[in-house]
Protein backbone atom coordinates (compact mmCIF):
# COMPACT_ATOMS: atom_id res chain seq x y z
CA MET A 1 115.77 14.46 76.65
CA ALA A 2 113.50 13.39 79.67
CA ILE A 3 114.55 11.21 82.88
CA TYR A 4 111.92 9.24 84.43
CA LEU A 5 111.88 7.52 88.04
CA GLY A 6 109.20 5.19 87.29
CA THR A 7 106.57 6.98 85.72
CA THR A 8 107.41 10.23 87.62
CA LEU A 9 109.29 12.85 85.13
CA ILE A 10 112.39 14.04 86.96
CA SER A 11 113.99 16.11 84.30
CA SER A 12 112.87 17.17 80.89
CA ASN A 13 115.75 19.40 80.41
CA PRO A 14 113.55 22.07 78.51
CA THR A 15 116.17 24.80 78.83
CA GLY A 16 119.23 22.94 78.53
CA THR A 17 120.27 23.60 82.25
CA GLY A 18 118.96 20.83 84.25
CA LYS A 19 121.36 18.80 86.12
CA LEU A 20 121.97 15.10 87.45
CA TYR A 21 123.80 14.19 90.66
CA ILE A 22 125.19 11.30 92.40
CA GLY A 23 125.43 12.48 95.77
CA THR A 24 126.63 15.81 95.60
CA GLN A 25 128.60 15.42 92.49
CA ALA A 26 126.82 17.03 89.55
CA PHE A 27 127.21 15.71 85.95
CA CYS A 28 126.08 16.59 82.49
CA ASN A 29 126.10 13.64 80.40
CA ALA A 30 124.26 10.48 81.10
CA TYR A 31 124.36 7.29 78.88
CA LEU A 32 122.37 4.04 78.83
CA GLY A 33 124.93 1.71 77.28
CA THR A 34 126.44 3.44 74.26
CA THR A 35 123.22 5.75 73.96
CA GLN A 36 123.36 9.26 75.45
CA VAL A 37 120.12 9.74 77.37
CA PHE A 38 121.08 13.28 78.93
CA ASP A 39 123.35 16.01 77.63
CA ASN A 40 123.46 19.25 79.44
CA CYS A 41 127.13 19.95 78.57
CA SER A 42 126.55 22.57 75.55
CA VAL A 43 125.18 26.21 75.72
CA PRO A 44 121.59 27.05 74.50
CA ASN A 45 121.04 27.22 70.45
CA SER A 46 120.78 30.60 68.70
CA ASN A 47 118.74 31.12 65.39
CA VAL A 48 119.01 33.15 62.03
CA ARG A 49 115.85 34.41 60.42
CA LEU A 50 115.56 34.72 56.66
CA THR A 51 113.82 37.74 55.00
CA VAL A 52 113.29 37.65 51.14
CA VAL A 53 112.65 40.93 49.32
CA ASN A 54 111.00 40.35 46.03
CA ASN A 55 111.51 43.49 43.63
CA VAL A 56 110.31 41.61 40.44
CA GLY A 57 106.47 42.26 41.47
CA THR A 58 103.38 41.09 40.11
CA GLY A 59 103.59 37.97 38.23
CA SER A 60 106.28 36.39 40.31
CA PHE A 61 106.34 34.47 43.45
CA VAL A 62 109.59 33.20 45.71
CA THR A 63 110.47 29.74 45.45
CA GLY A 64 112.91 27.77 47.88
CA ASN A 65 113.25 29.42 51.36
CA PRO A 66 110.62 31.96 51.85
CA THR A 67 110.48 34.94 54.30
CA GLY A 68 110.44 33.69 57.98
CA THR A 69 112.64 30.53 57.41
CA ILE A 70 114.90 29.87 60.58
CA LYS A 71 117.94 28.08 60.95
CA SER A 72 119.10 27.19 64.73
CA GLY A 73 122.41 26.02 66.02
CA GLN A 74 125.31 26.38 68.65
CA PRO A 75 126.38 30.02 68.99
CA GLY A 76 129.43 30.66 66.82
CA THR A 77 129.03 27.61 64.61
CA ALA A 78 128.39 28.01 60.82
CA TYR A 79 125.34 27.65 58.92
CA ALA A 80 124.89 26.95 55.21
CA ALA A 81 123.17 29.78 53.02
CA PHE A 82 119.61 29.95 52.60
CA SER A 83 118.33 28.89 49.16
CA SER A 84 115.58 31.25 47.68
CA SER A 85 114.50 31.87 43.89
CA VAL A 86 111.78 33.25 42.00
CA GLY A 87 108.92 31.83 39.96
CA LEU A 88 106.57 33.29 37.32
CA ASP A 89 102.76 33.12 36.61
CA GLN A 90 101.50 32.09 33.47
CA TYR A 91 102.15 34.47 30.45
CA TYR A 92 104.89 36.27 32.35
CA THR A 93 108.45 36.38 31.06
CA PHE A 94 111.63 38.21 32.52
CA ALA A 95 112.52 41.39 30.50
CA THR A 96 115.59 41.80 32.64
CA GLY A 97 117.06 39.53 35.63
CA PRO A 98 116.58 38.05 37.62
CA THR A 99 119.63 38.91 40.01
CA ILE A 100 119.53 37.48 43.70
CA SER A 101 121.86 39.06 46.12
CA GLY A 102 122.45 38.46 49.99
CA GLN A 103 122.04 34.82 49.78
CA VAL A 104 125.21 33.53 51.73
CA GLY A 105 126.11 31.54 54.80
CA GLY A 106 127.13 32.58 58.22
CA THR A 107 127.64 31.76 61.94
CA PHE A 108 124.98 31.63 64.53
CA PRO A 109 124.65 34.45 66.79
CA ALA A 110 125.70 34.23 70.55
CA SER A 111 122.27 34.17 71.57
CA GLY A 112 118.79 34.71 70.43
CA THR A 113 117.80 35.42 66.77
CA ALA A 114 119.58 37.19 64.02
CA GLY A 115 118.28 38.05 60.70
CA THR A 116 119.69 37.69 57.01
CA THR A 117 118.09 39.20 53.79
CA THR A 118 117.93 37.88 50.32
CA THR A 119 117.03 40.53 47.43
CA ILE A 120 115.40 39.30 44.32
CA ASP A 121 115.45 42.17 41.25
CA GLY A 122 114.22 42.00 37.78
CA SER A 123 111.23 43.18 35.53
CA LEU A 124 108.76 41.07 33.58
CA ASN A 125 106.78 41.18 30.51
CA TYR A 126 103.09 39.93 30.20
CA ASN A 127 102.26 38.22 26.95
CA PRO A 128 98.89 36.48 27.18
CA PRO A 129 97.70 34.75 23.80
CA PRO A 130 95.02 36.98 21.94
CA SER A 131 91.62 36.77 23.43
CA THR A 132 88.14 37.01 21.65
CA GLY A 133 85.23 39.18 22.58
CA THR A 134 81.70 38.77 21.36
CA TYR A 135 79.41 41.73 21.21
CA THR A 136 75.70 41.68 20.28
CA LEU A 137 73.33 44.33 19.07
CA LEU A 138 70.24 44.39 20.94
CA GLU A 139 67.33 46.73 19.57
CA SER A 140 64.21 48.17 21.55
CA GLY A 141 61.69 50.86 21.19
CA SER A 142 60.01 51.89 17.80
CA ALA A 143 59.10 55.08 16.16
CA GLY A 144 55.65 54.62 14.71
CA PRO A 145 54.23 53.35 11.27
CA GLY A 146 56.27 53.70 8.19
CA VAL A 147 59.66 54.10 10.16
CA THR A 148 62.28 50.88 9.86
CA PHE A 149 65.64 50.55 11.37
CA ASN A 150 68.38 48.38 9.60
CA THR A 151 71.79 47.71 9.84
CA ALA A 152 74.00 46.15 7.21
CA ASP A 153 76.66 45.41 9.67
CA ALA A 154 77.03 41.78 11.23
CA ASN A 155 75.36 40.87 14.43
CA PRO A 156 76.79 39.56 16.70
CA GLN A 157 80.68 40.93 16.24
CA THR A 158 83.81 39.42 17.49
CA GLY A 159 87.19 40.77 17.85
CA THR A 160 90.33 40.63 19.76
CA ILE A 161 90.16 42.06 23.36
CA GLY A 162 91.96 44.99 23.89
CA SER A 163 92.83 45.84 20.38
CA SER A 164 89.55 45.37 18.38
CA THR A 165 86.34 47.61 17.86
CA TYR A 166 82.81 46.93 17.44
CA SER A 167 80.83 49.33 14.97
CA TRP A 168 76.90 49.02 13.92
CA THR A 169 75.86 51.82 11.42
CA ILE A 170 72.02 51.85 12.04
CA THR A 171 69.75 53.45 9.23
CA ALA A 172 66.37 54.84 10.08
CA ALA A 173 64.19 54.77 7.08
CA LEU A 174 60.74 56.72 6.79
CA ALA A 175 58.65 55.23 4.09
CA ASN A 176 56.98 57.44 1.33
CA GLY A 177 53.56 58.81 2.43
CA TYR A 178 54.40 59.29 6.04
CA THR A 179 55.91 62.07 8.17
CA ALA A 180 58.06 62.37 11.09
CA THR A 181 55.72 63.75 13.76
CA SER A 182 58.74 64.02 16.27
CA GLY A 183 62.42 63.62 15.77
CA ILE A 184 63.36 60.07 14.80
CA THR A 185 66.25 59.03 17.30
CA ILE A 186 68.69 56.09 17.95
CA ASN A 187 70.08 56.07 21.38
CA GLY A 188 68.82 59.73 21.77
CA GLN A 189 70.66 60.94 18.92
CA PRO A 190 68.42 62.34 15.85
CA ALA A 191 68.42 60.41 12.64
CA ILE A 192 65.47 61.99 11.07
CA ASN A 193 64.37 65.61 12.04
CA SER A 194 60.56 66.25 13.22
CA GLY A 195 58.55 67.46 10.34
CA THR A 196 60.37 65.40 7.50
CA ALA A 197 58.30 63.76 4.88
CA GLY A 198 59.34 60.29 3.51
CA PRO A 199 60.99 58.75 1.73
CA THR A 200 64.21 59.58 3.44
CA THR A 201 66.65 58.10 5.57
CA GLY A 202 69.27 59.09 8.53
CA ALA A 203 71.88 56.94 10.24
CA PHE A 204 73.64 56.72 13.69
CA THR A 205 76.89 54.46 14.20
CA LEU A 206 77.35 52.89 17.58
CA THR A 207 81.11 51.90 18.14
CA GLY A 208 83.52 51.19 21.20
CA ASP A 209 86.20 49.14 22.33
CA ILE A 210 86.07 45.25 22.53
CA ASN A 211 87.38 44.78 25.93
CA GLN A 212 85.63 41.94 27.63
CA ALA A 213 84.48 38.42 26.79
CA SER A 214 80.88 39.36 26.02
CA ALA A 215 78.74 42.16 26.01
CA ASN A 216 75.29 43.39 24.73
CA ILE A 217 74.99 46.74 23.08
CA THR A 218 71.51 48.25 23.18
CA ALA A 219 70.23 50.41 20.41
CA THR A 220 67.21 52.04 21.56
CA TYR A 221 64.52 53.66 18.90
CA GLY A 222 62.24 56.62 19.52
CA GLY A 223 60.18 59.29 17.95
CA SER A 224 56.87 59.15 16.18
CA SER A 225 55.46 59.24 12.98
CA ALA A 226 52.02 59.45 11.13
CA VAL A 227 50.57 58.63 7.71
CA GLN A 228 50.95 61.85 5.37
CA THR A 229 47.74 63.08 3.93
CA TYR A 230 47.21 65.11 0.74
CA THR A 231 44.12 66.87 -0.64
CA TYR A 232 42.25 66.67 -3.79
CA ASN A 233 39.81 69.04 -5.13
CA TYR A 234 36.54 67.57 -6.78
CA THR A 235 34.29 70.34 -8.66
CA LEU A 236 31.03 69.66 -10.66
CA GLN A 237 30.33 71.87 -13.61
CA ASN A 238 26.26 71.57 -14.22
CA ASN A 239 25.58 72.54 -18.19
CA VAL A 240 22.26 71.00 -18.14
CA SER A 241 19.88 73.53 -18.29
CA ASN A 242 16.64 73.43 -16.21
CA SER A 243 18.28 70.90 -14.04
CA THR A 244 19.74 70.55 -10.39
CA ALA A 245 23.03 68.81 -9.95
CA SER A 246 24.32 66.73 -6.88
CA LYS A 247 27.63 65.23 -6.15
CA SER A 248 29.17 62.44 -3.99
CA VAL A 249 32.39 60.65 -3.32
CA VAL A 250 31.82 56.98 -2.75
CA ASN A 251 34.09 53.63 -2.20
CA LEU A 252 36.70 55.76 -0.36
CA LEU A 253 39.43 53.25 0.26
CA GLY A 254 43.12 53.20 1.76
CA GLY A 255 42.30 55.91 4.41
CA ALA A 256 40.42 58.68 1.89
CA SER A 257 37.85 60.67 3.40
CA TYR A 258 35.41 63.32 1.84
CA ASP A 259 34.19 66.77 3.61
CA GLY A 260 30.96 66.53 1.51
CA ALA A 261 31.75 69.92 -0.30
CA ASN A 262 34.87 69.98 -2.54
CA THR A 263 37.80 68.29 -0.70
CA ILE A 264 39.01 64.76 -0.59
CA THR A 265 41.77 63.96 1.97
CA GLY A 266 43.82 60.92 2.32
CA PRO A 267 47.36 59.37 2.10
CA ALA A 268 48.99 58.73 -1.18
CA ASN A 269 47.61 56.16 -3.38
CA SER A 270 44.18 56.23 -1.74
CA THR A 271 41.46 55.93 -3.87
CA TRP A 272 37.57 56.99 -4.40
CA ASP A 273 34.77 57.46 -7.04
CA MET A 274 33.35 60.79 -7.66
CA LYS A 275 29.88 60.87 -8.97
CA GLY A 276 28.04 63.68 -10.50
CA SER A 277 24.31 63.90 -11.59
CA ALA A 278 21.86 66.13 -12.70
CA ALA A 279 18.10 65.89 -12.37
CA PRO A 280 15.42 67.97 -14.11
CA ASN A 281 13.79 70.77 -12.07
CA SER A 282 10.28 70.69 -11.30
CA GLY A 283 8.07 70.81 -14.60
CA TYR A 284 10.73 69.59 -16.79
CA GLU A 285 11.94 66.19 -18.07
CA TRP A 286 14.75 64.90 -20.16
CA SER A 287 14.43 65.27 -24.15
CA GLY A 288 14.43 61.96 -25.41
CA GLY A 289 12.62 60.56 -22.22
CA SER A 290 15.53 59.29 -20.42
CA ARG A 291 18.70 60.87 -18.67
CA PRO A 292 22.04 60.68 -20.90
CA GLY A 293 24.94 59.15 -19.67
CA SER A 294 26.80 62.49 -19.88
CA ALA A 295 24.36 63.72 -17.14
CA ASP A 296 25.16 60.99 -14.80
CA GLN A 297 29.12 60.18 -14.51
CA THR A 298 31.34 58.61 -12.18
CA VAL A 299 35.19 59.01 -12.31
CA SER A 300 37.65 57.36 -10.40
CA GLY A 301 40.41 59.28 -8.33
CA THR A 302 43.93 58.10 -6.91
CA MET A 303 45.71 60.15 -4.43
CA PRO A 304 48.84 61.50 -5.90
CA SER A 305 51.93 62.23 -3.51
CA ASN A 306 51.28 66.05 -3.49
CA ASN A 307 48.65 68.54 -3.13
CA SER A 308 47.84 69.36 -6.72
CA GLY A 309 45.17 66.84 -7.65
CA SER A 310 41.97 67.81 -9.15
CA THR A 311 39.05 66.88 -11.15
CA THR A 312 36.07 68.53 -12.59
CA ILE A 313 33.14 66.56 -13.95
CA THR A 314 31.07 68.48 -16.48
CA LEU A 315 27.45 67.38 -16.83
CA THR A 316 25.87 67.92 -20.12
CA GLY A 317 22.09 67.02 -21.43
CA THR A 318 19.10 68.33 -22.64
CA THR A 319 15.62 69.05 -20.90
CA GLN A 320 12.21 70.11 -21.81
CA ILE A 321 9.33 71.26 -20.14
CA ILE A 322 6.70 68.78 -19.28
CA THR A 323 3.44 69.48 -20.96
CA THR A 324 -0.04 68.44 -20.36
CA GLN A 325 -2.27 68.24 -23.04
CA ILE A 326 -6.19 68.01 -23.02
CA THR A 327 -8.73 67.85 -25.76
CA VAL A 328 -11.51 70.56 -25.85
CA SER A 329 -14.45 71.51 -28.02
CA THR A 330 -14.21 74.41 -30.35
CA TYR A 331 -17.60 75.40 -29.06
CA ASN A 332 -17.32 78.50 -26.86
CA GLY A 333 -20.31 77.94 -24.37
CA ALA A 334 -21.92 80.86 -22.49
CA CYS A 335 -21.35 78.90 -19.46
CA ALA A 336 -19.63 75.43 -18.55
CA ASN A 337 -22.94 73.79 -18.87
CA ASP A 338 -23.62 75.08 -22.09
CA ALA A 339 -20.11 74.48 -23.46
CA CYS A 340 -20.46 70.77 -22.25
CA ILE A 341 -24.08 70.18 -23.31
CA ASN A 342 -23.48 71.72 -26.95
CA SER A 343 -20.10 70.51 -27.40
CA SER A 344 -18.78 70.31 -30.77
CA GLY A 345 -15.41 70.25 -32.72
CA SER A 346 -12.19 69.49 -30.92
CA SER A 347 -8.96 71.40 -30.38
CA ILE A 348 -5.77 70.72 -28.32
CA VAL A 349 -4.78 72.71 -25.14
CA TYR A 350 -1.21 72.84 -23.85
CA TYR A 351 -0.02 73.66 -20.44
CA THR A 352 2.65 72.61 -17.48
CA GLY A 353 1.68 71.60 -14.06
CA SER A 354 -1.86 71.70 -12.85
CA LEU A 355 -4.86 73.72 -13.48
CA PRO A 356 -5.51 76.64 -12.96
CA THR A 357 -2.42 77.86 -14.95
CA SER A 358 -1.31 79.55 -18.19
CA VAL A 359 -2.83 77.44 -21.25
CA PHE A 360 -1.51 77.37 -24.91
CA SER A 361 -2.32 76.16 -28.32
CA ASN A 362 1.16 74.85 -29.10
CA SER A 363 3.51 72.43 -27.68
CA SER A 364 6.18 74.94 -27.23
CA LEU A 365 3.92 76.94 -24.94
CA SER A 366 4.42 80.30 -26.77
CA SER A 367 0.98 80.80 -28.16
CA PRO A 368 -1.82 81.62 -25.32
CA TYR A 369 -5.11 79.76 -25.87
CA SER A 370 -7.95 81.96 -26.77
CA ASP A 371 -10.54 83.09 -23.93
CA GLY A 372 -13.66 81.29 -23.89
CA ILE A 373 -15.37 78.30 -22.16
CA TYR A 374 -14.83 75.05 -23.91
CA ALA A 375 -15.88 71.39 -23.05
CA ILE A 376 -13.08 69.09 -21.83
CA SER A 377 -13.12 65.75 -23.69
CA GLY A 378 -14.03 63.09 -20.93
CA GLY A 379 -15.73 65.71 -18.76
CA ASN A 380 -15.68 69.19 -17.02
CA ALA A 381 -15.09 72.56 -18.83
CA LEU A 382 -12.33 74.60 -19.22
CA THR A 383 -12.70 78.53 -18.84
CA VAL A 384 -9.95 80.61 -20.32
CA TYR A 385 -9.29 84.07 -19.11
CA SER A 386 -6.35 86.40 -20.08
CA GLY A 387 -4.50 83.14 -21.16
CA THR A 388 -5.23 81.11 -17.70
CA GLY A 389 -7.37 77.81 -17.80
CA THR A 390 -9.53 76.93 -14.86
CA GLN A 391 -11.20 73.70 -14.99
CA ASN A 392 -15.13 73.88 -13.79
CA SER A 393 -17.39 70.89 -13.45
CA CYS A 394 -20.48 70.99 -15.89
CA THR A 395 -23.69 68.91 -16.84
CA ASN A 396 -23.24 67.23 -20.31
CA SER A 397 -26.99 66.86 -20.98
CA LEU A 398 -30.28 68.08 -19.23
CA ASN A 399 -33.75 66.29 -18.99
CA THR A 400 -36.77 68.61 -19.86
CA PHE A 401 -39.52 68.60 -17.24
CA SER A 402 -42.85 70.13 -18.99
CA ASN A 403 -46.20 71.47 -17.50
CA ILE A 404 -44.47 72.27 -14.17
CA GLY A 405 -46.37 73.96 -11.48
CA ASN A 406 -44.73 76.77 -9.92
CA ALA A 407 -45.84 78.40 -6.35
CA GLY A 408 -45.01 79.50 -2.99
CA SER A 409 -45.94 76.17 -1.40
CA TYR A 410 -45.87 72.52 -2.65
CA PRO A 411 -49.90 72.46 -2.58
CA ALA A 412 -50.24 75.34 -4.72
CA ALA A 413 -47.54 73.93 -6.95
CA CYS A 414 -49.19 70.67 -7.36
CA SER A 415 -52.62 72.52 -8.14
CA ASN A 416 -50.78 74.58 -10.65
CA ALA A 417 -49.12 71.88 -12.64
CA ALA A 418 -52.55 70.99 -14.53
CA GLY A 419 -52.66 72.96 -17.72
CA SER A 420 -49.15 74.77 -16.79
CA SER A 421 -46.99 75.16 -19.91
CA ASP A 422 -43.76 76.10 -17.88
CA VAL A 423 -40.93 73.89 -18.75
CA TYR A 424 -37.57 73.40 -16.71
CA PHE A 425 -34.58 71.41 -16.81
CA GLY A 426 -32.58 69.01 -14.65
CA SER A 427 -29.42 66.62 -15.14
CA SER A 428 -31.56 63.49 -13.88
CA SER A 429 -35.09 62.85 -12.99
CA PHE A 430 -37.64 65.29 -11.54
CA GLN A 431 -36.79 64.58 -7.96
CA ALA A 432 -33.32 63.11 -8.42
CA SER A 433 -31.73 66.31 -10.09
CA THR A 434 -29.83 68.24 -7.73
CA THR A 435 -30.20 71.68 -9.38
CA ILE A 436 -33.24 72.89 -11.59
CA TYR A 437 -32.48 75.17 -14.63
CA ASP A 438 -34.86 77.56 -16.14
CA VAL A 439 -32.90 77.31 -19.60
CA ASN A 440 -31.75 74.58 -21.60
CA THR A 441 -28.18 75.60 -21.75
CA GLY A 442 -28.11 75.18 -18.08
CA CYS A 443 -26.65 78.69 -17.63
CA SER A 444 -29.68 80.02 -15.33
CA THR A 445 -31.29 78.46 -12.31
CA VAL A 446 -34.87 78.97 -10.85
CA GLY A 447 -34.99 80.91 -7.63
CA SER A 448 -36.62 79.72 -4.41
CA GLY A 449 -39.96 77.96 -4.34
CA PHE A 450 -41.80 74.82 -5.04
CA LEU A 451 -42.24 73.15 -8.49
CA SER A 452 -44.57 69.97 -9.08
CA ASN A 453 -45.34 67.80 -12.07
CA GLY A 454 -48.86 67.32 -10.51
CA SER A 455 -47.72 64.10 -8.61
CA GLN A 456 -44.34 65.16 -7.17
CA TRP A 457 -43.07 68.19 -5.80
CA ILE A 458 -39.73 69.62 -5.14
CA GLN A 459 -38.15 72.76 -2.96
CA THR A 460 -35.41 74.66 -4.47
CA SER A 461 -33.10 77.06 -2.92
CA GLY A 462 -32.27 80.53 -4.30
CA THR A 463 -29.50 79.08 -6.54
CA GLY A 464 -32.13 76.37 -7.88
CA THR A 465 -30.43 73.64 -5.64
CA VAL A 466 -33.11 71.09 -4.74
CA ILE A 467 -33.59 70.97 -0.83
CA ASN A 468 -36.82 69.11 -0.41
CA VAL A 469 -38.95 66.70 -2.16
CA GLY A 470 -42.39 65.18 -1.63
CA SER A 471 -45.57 63.65 -3.21
CA CYS A 472 -48.54 65.69 -3.89
């Protein structure tokens, strides 16, 4: 308690040892009326400090007086017992206890601070209500065409935290017509081995404890696959004589391909059309005039799921030699001109290709035509020698030139014409003829020189060819 003189503090008695004096007389109590305003008659207070030892542990806490609580009083006087207890966190219950010891009263020490200890013992059970965790399957990655991944298990999955598990069985399926080119994996674990052909399946199970409220479980897929290919053999049998066969594969669908020879490659169920066709060789034609359907075939094909497919197309049909027929005279001339000029009668000559070639008297080309020189109907002559026919040009008629002068010069020829009895022959008029013959069969020509009919002259070469003309 403080005492002031005016506004000046003359004693605050901070330690309880201050004194008041009247003159030289000290005193320890002072009253204002009946109110004590100064008391320094007692000794200083002492203290008791509490320590609480909580052996119950996690899930508990101290209630009431905690560690560090202090009581103060006059030394030797009594103090009441401290009051401490224990509380529990949610979902905790006592398995044993609690027991509290050391919680009694006492007296204040002579001075300073003394300690007292309260001990709390016991054990706990933790019984939280069941909690639910939700786990979700996430999928990533792929393994190429023809591969699928599926699970029949629920997604997401829920369960009690701490006592439940999650489980997904994932099935990898490789479809028919595909091959695993590397191992098909789920989270790095093999499901389908490399080199395996579909259809096939493999499975892997993802499982574990549900120990939290939510989580994502990842399934990562890997590997590679490709369309499985097969082969199909296509052969062509050509039974058409005197012909050349060709084959092709067209309308390839579904991934089929053709090597241009005998092999078709493709996945199962790919399709195509195989064509085979025969054509007569040179000098032959189809019997009956047109190609039969049996010599031009198209067969459709479908790739089976194995390597045993094959097709043979057999072409059949009949060809015959292409023959040319010409009509010739039966008169056998001494030369081409004679045959044409004196043509008579008719006969048929058969051959293939073009002249010169072998010629025959029958359409089956088995009887060679007789040697000779024959006029061909329509012009020219056919010379047959040792069965081979050759076509030659010829003159069909000759004009007769009478009273023709013949000399070494045209003046002399012009002069000799009068009274001459010489006769010559040509295919046109005197000066228009290209060649001059000295016989009416046309088999012999005049030599070189000059000929004249008295008004015109011509000059001939050594082969009878007219090389110059003029007037007398």
